[in-house]
Amino acid sequence: MAKVLHIITRLDRGGSAEAVMRLAEGLKRDGYSVKLVTGLTLEPQEDIDEFSARTGVPVVRIEELRREVSPINDLKALIKL
């Protein structure tokens, strides 16, 4: 089984987040092993937890994964990946 890891800095509502979630859901449905990694989000955690429960796609949160460039946080996020 092929494995797919989607990484997005923020899983807030919007174009890129919606696209990643739909893609992850579709790949899971097609038999791929899918995992989604995200940084902290402004959306309620329940929305992300509900998506994970509904689709079976595990969502991993990495606090250091952020939109802003930060060598220290970027290195920490890379190590956690």
PDB file of N, CA and C in Angstrom:
ATOM      1  N   MET A   1       0.846  -1.178   0.000  1.00  0.00           N
ATOM      2  CA  MET A   1       0.000   0.000   0.000  1.00  0.00           C
ATOM      3  C   MET A   1       0.892   1.242   0.000  1.00  0.00           C
ATOM      4  N   ALA A   2       0.605   2.153  -0.898  1.00  0.00           N
ATOM      5  CA  ALA A   2       1.358   3.402  -0.977  1.00  0.00           C
ATOM      6  C   ALA A   2       0.989   4.317   0.184  1.00  0.00           C
ATOM      7  N   LYS A   3       1.981   5.045   0.684  1.00  0.00           N
ATOM      8  CA  LYS A   3       1.760   5.968   1.796  1.00  0.00           C
ATOM      9  C   LYS A   3       1.878   7.401   1.300  1.00  0.00           C
ATOM     10  N   VAL A   4       0.968   8.258   1.793  1.00  0.00           N
ATOM     11  CA  VAL A   4       0.961   9.666   1.404  1.00  0.00           C
ATOM     12  C   VAL A   4       0.950  10.514   2.665  1.00  0.00           C
ATOM     13  N   LEU A   5       1.874  11.465   2.755  1.00  0.00           N
ATOM     14  CA  LEU A   5       1.930  12.391   3.877  1.00  0.00           C
ATOM     15  C   LEU A   5       1.688  13.798   3.347  1.00  0.00           C
ATOM     16  N   HIS A   6       0.603  14.420   3.784  1.00  0.00           N
ATOM     17  CA  HIS A   6       0.300  15.803   3.416  1.00  0.00           C
ATOM     18  C   HIS A   6       0.773  16.701   4.554  1.00  0.00           C
ATOM     19  N   ILE A   7       1.497  17.763   4.222  1.00  0.00           N
ATOM     20  CA  ILE A   7       1.983  18.708   5.223  1.00  0.00           C
ATOM     21  C   ILE A   7       1.474  20.094   4.853  1.00  0.00           C
ATOM     22  N   ILE A   8       0.796  20.740   5.808  1.00  0.00           N
ATOM     23  CA  ILE A   8       0.275  22.085   5.587  1.00  0.00           C
ATOM     24  C   ILE A   8       0.482  22.877   6.878  1.00  0.00           C
ATOM     25  N   THR A   9       0.942  24.116   6.760  1.00  0.00           N
ATOM     26  CA  THR A   9       1.262  24.878   7.971  1.00  0.00           C
ATOM     27  C   THR A   9       0.035  25.166   8.818  1.00  0.00           C
ATOM     28  N   ARG A  10      -1.095  25.488   8.172  1.00  0.00           N
ATOM     29  CA  ARG A  10      -2.324  25.746   8.939  1.00  0.00           C
ATOM     30  C   ARG A  10      -3.496  25.098   8.229  1.00  0.00           C
ATOM     31  N   LEU A  11      -4.311  24.412   8.987  1.00  0.00           N
ATOM     32  CA  LEU A  11      -5.474  23.725   8.434  1.00  0.00           C
ATOM     33  C   LEU A  11      -6.725  24.537   8.722  1.00  0.00           C
ATOM     34  N   ASP A  12      -6.633  25.849   8.513  1.00  0.00           N
ATOM     35  CA  ASP A  12      -7.790  26.725   8.690  1.00  0.00           C
ATOM     36  C   ASP A  12      -8.706  26.583   7.482  1.00  0.00           C
ATOM     37  N   ARG A  13      -9.915  27.066   7.642  1.00  0.00           N
ATOM     38  CA  ARG A  13     -10.843  27.043   6.498  1.00  0.00           C
ATOM     39  C   ARG A  13     -10.278  27.911   5.386  1.00  0.00           C
ATOM     40  N   GLY A  14     -10.409  27.426   4.183  1.00  0.00           N
ATOM     41  CA  GLY A  14      -9.915  28.183   3.047  1.00  0.00           C
ATOM     42  C   GLY A  14      -9.505  27.260   1.925  1.00  0.00           C
ATOM     43  N   GLY A  15      -9.053  27.844   0.847  1.00  0.00           N
ATOM     44  CA  GLY A  15      -8.751  27.099  -0.362  1.00  0.00           C
ATOM     45  C   GLY A  15      -7.747  25.980  -0.204  1.00  0.00           C
ATOM     46  N   SER A  16      -6.563  26.287   0.299  1.00  0.00           N
ATOM     47  CA  SER A  16      -5.527  25.252   0.384  1.00  0.00           C
ATOM     48  C   SER A  16      -5.892  24.169   1.393  1.00  0.00           C
ATOM     49  N   ALA A  17      -6.447  24.550   2.528  1.00  0.00           N
ATOM     50  CA  ALA A  17      -6.833  23.564   3.542  1.00  0.00           C
ATOM     51  C   ALA A  17      -7.946  22.660   3.021  1.00  0.00           C
ATOM     52  N   GLU A  18      -8.945  23.247   2.374  1.00  0.00           N
ATOM     53  CA  GLU A  18     -10.044  22.453   1.810  1.00  0.00           C
ATOM     54  C   GLU A  18      -9.517  21.482   0.755  1.00  0.00           C
ATOM     55  N   ALA A  19      -8.605  21.956  -0.088  1.00  0.00           N
ATOM     56  CA  ALA A  19      -8.044  21.098  -1.135  1.00  0.00           C
ATOM     57  C   ALA A  19      -7.274  19.928  -0.532  1.00  0.00           C
ATOM     58  N   VAL A  20      -6.465  20.200   0.482  1.00  0.00           N
ATOM     59  CA  VAL A  20      -5.674  19.146   1.124  1.00  0.00           C
ATOM     60  C   VAL A  20      -6.589  18.129   1.805  1.00  0.00           C
ATOM     61  N   MET A  21      -7.620  18.605   2.497  1.00  0.00           N
ATOM     62  CA  MET A  21      -8.524  17.678   3.187  1.00  0.00           C
ATOM     63  C   MET A  21      -9.301  16.820   2.187  1.00  0.00           C
ATOM     64  N   ARG A  22      -9.773  17.411   1.111  1.00  0.00           N
ATOM     65  CA  ARG A  22     -10.502  16.634   0.093  1.00  0.00           C
ATOM     66  C   ARG A  22      -9.586  15.621  -0.579  1.00  0.00           C
ATOM     67  N   LEU A  23      -8.371  16.031  -0.881  1.00  0.00           N
ATOM     68  CA  LEU A  23      -7.413  15.121  -1.495  1.00  0.00           C
ATOM     69  C   LEU A  23      -7.086  13.962  -0.558  1.00  0.00           C
ATOM     70  N   ALA A  24      -6.832  14.270   0.712  1.00  0.00           N
ATOM     71  CA  ALA A  24      -6.531  13.225   1.692  1.00  0.00           C
ATOM     72  C   ALA A  24      -7.703  12.258   1.829  1.00  0.00           C
ATOM     73  N   GLU A  25      -8.900  12.794   1.893  1.00  0.00           N
ATOM     74  CA  GLU A  25     -10.097  11.952   2.017  1.00  0.00           C
ATOM     75  C   GLU A  25     -10.258  11.049   0.788  1.00  0.00           C
ATOM     76  N   GLY A  26     -10.065  11.604  -0.392  1.00  0.00           N
ATOM     77  CA  GLY A  26     -10.194  10.813  -1.613  1.00  0.00           C
ATOM     78  C   GLY A  26      -9.139   9.731  -1.722  1.00  0.00           C
ATOM     79  N   LEU A  27      -7.904  10.052  -1.368  1.00  0.00           N
ATOM     80  CA  LEU A  27      -6.836   9.057  -1.409  1.00  0.00           C
ATOM     81  C   LEU A  27      -7.087   7.940  -0.404  1.00  0.00           C
ATOM     82  N   LYS A  28      -7.566   8.286   0.774  1.00  0.00           N
ATOM     83  CA  LYS A  28      -7.892   7.283   1.792  1.00  0.00           C
ATOM     84  C   LYS A  28      -8.977   6.349   1.256  1.00  0.00           C
ATOM     85  N   ARG A  29      -9.994   6.924   0.642  1.00  0.00           N
ATOM     86  CA  ARG A  29     -11.096   6.146   0.081  1.00  0.00           C
ATOM     87  C   ARG A  29     -10.593   5.217  -1.031  1.00  0.00           C
ATOM     88  N   ASP A  30      -9.563   5.650  -1.764  1.00  0.00           N
ATOM     89  CA  ASP A  30      -9.006   4.839  -2.849  1.00  0.00           C
ATOM     90  C   ASP A  30      -8.008   3.790  -2.363  1.00  0.00           C
ATOM     91  N   GLY A  31      -7.807   3.701  -1.050  1.00  0.00           N
ATOM     92  CA  GLY A  31      -6.976   2.643  -0.500  1.00  0.00           C
ATOM     93  C   GLY A  31      -5.561   3.032  -0.126  1.00  0.00           C
ATOM     94  N   TYR A  32      -5.222   4.298  -0.220  1.00  0.00           N
ATOM     95  CA  TYR A  32      -3.890   4.746   0.181  1.00  0.00           C
ATOM     96  C   TYR A  32      -3.823   4.904   1.699  1.00  0.00           C
ATOM     97  N   SER A  33      -2.634   4.764   2.239  1.00  0.00           N
ATOM     98  CA  SER A  33      -2.390   5.074   3.642  1.00  0.00           C
ATOM     99  C   SER A  33      -2.046   6.562   3.705  1.00  0.00           C
ATOM    100  N   VAL A  34      -2.918   7.345   4.330  1.00  0.00           N
ATOM    101  CA  VAL A  34      -2.787   8.802   4.303  1.00  0.00           C
ATOM    102  C   VAL A  34      -2.645   9.346   5.719  1.00  0.00           C
ATOM    103  N   LYS A  35      -1.758  10.318   5.879  1.00  0.00           N
ATOM    104  CA  LYS A  35      -1.617  11.037   7.142  1.00  0.00           C
ATOM    105  C   LYS A  35      -1.495  12.518   6.813  1.00  0.00           C
ATOM    106  N   LEU A  36      -2.054  13.362   7.672  1.00  0.00           N
ATOM    107  CA  LEU A  36      -2.027  14.805   7.468  1.00  0.00           C
ATOM    108  C   LEU A  36      -1.293  15.445   8.643  1.00  0.00           C
ATOM    109  N   VAL A  37      -0.302  16.270   8.356  1.00  0.00           N
ATOM    110  CA  VAL A  37       0.461  16.969   9.387  1.00  0.00           C
ATOM    111  C   VAL A  37       0.191  18.460   9.241  1.00  0.00           C
ATOM    112  N   THR A  38      -0.098  19.120  10.361  1.00  0.00           N
ATOM    113  CA  THR A  38      -0.399  20.545  10.335  1.00  0.00           C
ATOM    114  C   THR A  38       0.201  21.235  11.552  1.00  0.00           C
ATOM    115  N   GLY A  39       0.404  22.524  11.405  1.00  0.00           N
ATOM    116  CA  GLY A  39       0.785  23.341  12.551  1.00  0.00           C
ATOM    117  C   GLY A  39      -0.462  23.714  13.328  1.00  0.00           C
ATOM    118  N   LEU A  40      -0.312  24.598  14.284  1.00  0.00           N
ATOM    119  CA  LEU A  40      -1.474  25.049  15.047  1.00  0.00           C
ATOM    120  C   LEU A  40      -2.385  25.853  14.138  1.00  0.00           C
ATOM    121  N   THR A  41      -3.664  25.847  14.453  1.00  0.00           N
ATOM    122  CA  THR A  41      -4.658  26.474  13.599  1.00  0.00           C
ATOM    123  C   THR A  41      -5.539  27.429  14.383  1.00  0.00           C
ATOM    124  N   LEU A  42      -6.166  28.349  13.682  1.00  0.00           N
ATOM    125  CA  LEU A  42      -7.104  29.268  14.314  1.00  0.00           C
ATOM    126  C   LEU A  42      -8.489  28.646  14.431  1.00  0.00           C
ATOM    127  N   GLU A  43      -8.740  27.598  13.650  1.00  0.00           N
ATOM    128  CA  GLU A  43     -10.039  26.919  13.684  1.00  0.00           C
ATOM    129  C   GLU A  43     -10.159  26.112  14.973  1.00  0.00           C
ATOM    130  N   PRO A  44     -11.391  25.876  15.415  1.00  0.00           N
ATOM    131  CA  PRO A  44     -11.574  25.016  16.588  1.00  0.00           C
ATOM    132  C   PRO A  44     -11.005  23.622  16.322  1.00  0.00           C
ATOM    133  N   GLN A  45     -10.320  23.069  17.295  1.00  0.00           N
ATOM    134  CA  GLN A  45      -9.728  21.744  17.157  1.00  0.00           C
ATOM    135  C   GLN A  45     -10.785  20.690  16.855  1.00  0.00           C
ATOM    136  N   GLU A  46     -12.025  20.924  17.305  1.00  0.00           N
ATOM    137  CA  GLU A  46     -13.090  19.952  17.093  1.00  0.00           C
ATOM    138  C   GLU A  46     -13.324  19.726  15.603  1.00  0.00           C
ATOM    139  N   ASP A  47     -13.186  20.779  14.786  1.00  0.00           N
ATOM    140  CA  ASP A  47     -13.382  20.634  13.344  1.00  0.00           C
ATOM    141  C   ASP A  47     -12.363  19.664  12.754  1.00  0.00           C
ATOM    142  N   ILE A  48     -11.129  19.786  13.171  1.00  0.00           N
ATOM    143  CA  ILE A  48     -10.074  18.908  12.670  1.00  0.00           C
ATOM    144  C   ILE A  48     -10.266  17.499  13.212  1.00  0.00           C
ATOM    145  N   ASP A  49     -10.612  17.389  14.487  1.00  0.00           N
ATOM    146  CA  ASP A  49     -10.858  16.079  15.083  1.00  0.00           C
ATOM    147  C   ASP A  49     -12.042  15.390  14.413  1.00  0.00           C
ATOM    148  N   GLU A  50     -13.080  16.163  14.080  1.00  0.00           N
ATOM    149  CA  GLU A  50     -14.257  15.599  13.412  1.00  0.00           C
ATOM    150  C   GLU A  50     -13.880  15.103  12.021  1.00  0.00           C
ATOM    151  N   PHE A  51     -13.068  15.864  11.298  1.00  0.00           N
ATOM    152  CA  PHE A  51     -12.602  15.442   9.977  1.00  0.00           C
ATOM    153  C   PHE A  51     -11.847  14.125  10.089  1.00  0.00           C
ATOM    154  N   SER A  52     -10.952  14.033  11.063  1.00  0.00           N
ATOM    155  CA  SER A  52     -10.157  12.827  11.250  1.00  0.00           C
ATOM    156  C   SER A  52     -11.045  11.631  11.589  1.00  0.00           C
ATOM    157  N   ALA A  53     -11.997  11.824  12.490  1.00  0.00           N
ATOM    158  CA  ALA A  53     -12.896  10.732  12.885  1.00  0.00           C
ATOM    159  C   ALA A  53     -13.779  10.298  11.717  1.00  0.00           C
ATOM    160  N   ARG A  54     -14.267  11.255  10.951  1.00  0.00           N
ATOM    161  CA  ARG A  54     -15.185  10.955   9.844  1.00  0.00           C
ATOM    162  C   ARG A  54     -14.473  10.243   8.697  1.00  0.00           C
ATOM    163  N   THR A  55     -13.240  10.630   8.404  1.00  0.00           N
ATOM    164  CA  THR A  55     -12.540  10.106   7.228  1.00  0.00           C
ATOM    165  C   THR A  55     -11.559   8.984   7.547  1.00  0.00           C
ATOM    166  N   GLY A  56     -11.144   8.886   8.799  1.00  0.00           N
ATOM    167  CA  GLY A  56     -10.119   7.907   9.148  1.00  0.00           C
ATOM    168  C   GLY A  56      -8.712   8.373   8.819  1.00  0.00           C
ATOM    169  N   VAL A  57      -8.566   9.640   8.455  1.00  0.00           N
ATOM    170  CA  VAL A  57      -7.245  10.207   8.149  1.00  0.00           C
ATOM    171  C   VAL A  57      -6.652  10.765   9.439  1.00  0.00           C
ATOM    172  N   PRO A  58      -5.547  10.190   9.933  1.00  0.00           N
ATOM    173  CA  PRO A  58      -4.936  10.728  11.149  1.00  0.00           C
ATOM    174  C   PRO A  58      -4.371  12.126  10.905  1.00  0.00           C
ATOM    175  N   VAL A  59      -4.583  13.007  11.873  1.00  0.00           N
ATOM    176  CA  VAL A  59      -4.059  14.372  11.797  1.00  0.00           C
ATOM    177  C   VAL A  59      -3.067  14.560  12.939  1.00  0.00           C
ATOM    178  N   VAL A  60      -1.831  14.906  12.594  1.00  0.00           N
ATOM    179  CA  VAL A  60      -0.770  15.132  13.576  1.00  0.00           C
ATOM    180  C   VAL A  60      -0.489  16.628  13.615  1.00  0.00           C
ATOM    181  N   ARG A  61      -0.439  17.182  14.820  1.00  0.00           N
ATOM    182  CA  ARG A  61      -0.164  18.614  14.973  1.00  0.00           C
ATOM    183  C   ARG A  61       1.268  18.816  15.459  1.00  0.00           C
ATOM    184  N   ILE A  62       1.979  19.690  14.777  1.00  0.00           N
ATOM    185  CA  ILE A  62       3.345  20.047  15.166  1.00  0.00           C
ATOM    186  C   ILE A  62       3.349  21.548  15.427  1.00  0.00           C
ATOM    187  N   GLU A  63       3.510  21.913  16.684  1.00  0.00           N
ATOM    188  CA  GLU A  63       3.427  23.322  17.088  1.00  0.00           C
ATOM    189  C   GLU A  63       4.433  24.196  16.347  1.00  0.00           C
ATOM    190  N   GLU A  64       5.616  23.663  16.085  1.00  0.00           N
ATOM    191  CA  GLU A  64       6.676  24.459  15.456  1.00  0.00           C
ATOM    192  C   GLU A  64       6.474  24.651  13.949  1.00  0.00           C
ATOM    193  N   LEU A  65       5.537  23.942  13.361  1.00  0.00           N
ATOM    194  CA  LEU A  65       5.267  24.076  11.928  1.00  0.00           C
ATOM    195  C   LEU A  65       4.438  25.332  11.715  1.00  0.00           C
ATOM    196  N   ARG A  66       5.089  26.381  11.232  1.00  0.00           N
ATOM    197  CA  ARG A  66       4.446  27.695  11.124  1.00  0.00           C
ATOM    198  C   ARG A  66       4.667  28.292   9.753  1.00  0.00           C
ATOM    199  N   ARG A  67       3.846  29.267   9.452  1.00  0.00           N
ATOM    200  CA  ARG A  67       3.918  29.958   8.166  1.00  0.00           C
ATOM    201  C   ARG A  67       5.163  30.854   8.096  1.00  0.00           C
ATOM    202  N   GLU A  68       5.478  31.535   9.200  1.00  0.00           N
ATOM    203  CA  GLU A  68       6.613  32.457   9.224  1.00  0.00           C
ATOM    204  C   GLU A  68       7.929  31.675   9.197  1.00  0.00           C
ATOM    205  N   VAL A  69       8.926  32.241   8.541  1.00  0.00           N
ATOM    206  CA  VAL A  69      10.245  31.617   8.502  1.00  0.00           C
ATOM    207  C   VAL A  69      10.919  31.820   9.853  1.00  0.00           C
ATOM    208  N   SER A  70      11.358  30.722  10.443  1.00  0.00           N
ATOM    209  CA  SER A  70      12.067  30.762  11.718  1.00  0.00           C
ATOM    210  C   SER A  70      13.038  29.584  11.730  1.00  0.00           C
ATOM    211  N   PRO A  71      14.327  29.831  11.567  1.00  0.00           N
ATOM    212  CA  PRO A  71      15.274  28.723  11.498  1.00  0.00           C
ATOM    213  C   PRO A  71      15.152  27.741  12.666  1.00  0.00           C
ATOM    214  N   ILE A  72      14.943  28.240  13.862  1.00  0.00           N
ATOM    215  CA  ILE A  72      14.845  27.350  15.023  1.00  0.00           C
ATOM    216  C   ILE A  72      13.576  26.503  14.947  1.00  0.00           C
ATOM    217  N   ASN A  73      12.419  27.150  14.741  1.00  0.00           N
ATOM    218  CA  ASN A  73      11.170  26.392  14.647  1.00  0.00           C
ATOM    219  C   ASN A  73      11.154  25.481  13.428  1.00  0.00           C
ATOM    220  N   ASP A  74      11.722  25.940  12.321  1.00  0.00           N
ATOM    221  CA  ASP A  74      11.768  25.113  11.115  1.00  0.00           C
ATOM    222  C   ASP A  74      12.580  23.844  11.360  1.00  0.00           C
ATOM    223  N   LEU A  75      13.709  23.974  12.045  1.00  0.00           N
ATOM    224  CA  LEU A  75      14.537  22.809  12.358  1.00  0.00           C
ATOM    225  C   LEU A  75      13.805  21.862  13.305  1.00  0.00           C
ATOM    226  N   LYS A  76      13.148  22.411  14.331  1.00  0.00           N
ATOM    227  CA  LYS A  76      12.381  21.579  15.260  1.00  0.00           C
ATOM    228  C   LYS A  76      11.275  20.821  14.528  1.00  0.00           C
ATOM    229  N   ALA A  77      10.568  21.510  13.631  1.00  0.00           N
ATOM    230  CA  ALA A  77       9.494  20.864  12.866  1.00  0.00           C
ATOM    231  C   ALA A  77      10.057  19.760  11.978  1.00  0.00           C
ATOM    232  N   LEU A  78      11.181  20.025  11.333  1.00  0.00           N
ATOM    233  CA  LEU A  78      11.807  19.030  10.469  1.00  0.00           C
ATOM    234  C   LEU A  78      12.204  17.790  11.261  1.00  0.00           C
ATOM    235  N   ILE A  79      12.757  17.983  12.435  1.00  0.00           N
ATOM    236  CA  ILE A  79      13.149  16.851  13.281  1.00  0.00           C
ATOM    237  C   ILE A  79      11.922  16.034  13.676  1.00  0.00           C
ATOM    238  N   LYS A  80      10.820  16.711  14.006  1.00  0.00           N
ATOM    239  CA  LYS A  80       9.596  16.003  14.399  1.00  0.00           C
ATOM    240  C   LYS A  80       8.958  15.251  13.235  1.00  0.00           C
ATOM    241  N   LEU A  81       9.164  15.774  12.022  1.00  0.00           N
ATOM    242  CA  LEU A  81       8.633  15.068  10.853  1.00  0.00           C
ATOM    243  C   LEU A  81       9.361  13.754  10.674  1.00  0.00           C
TER     244      LEU A  81
END
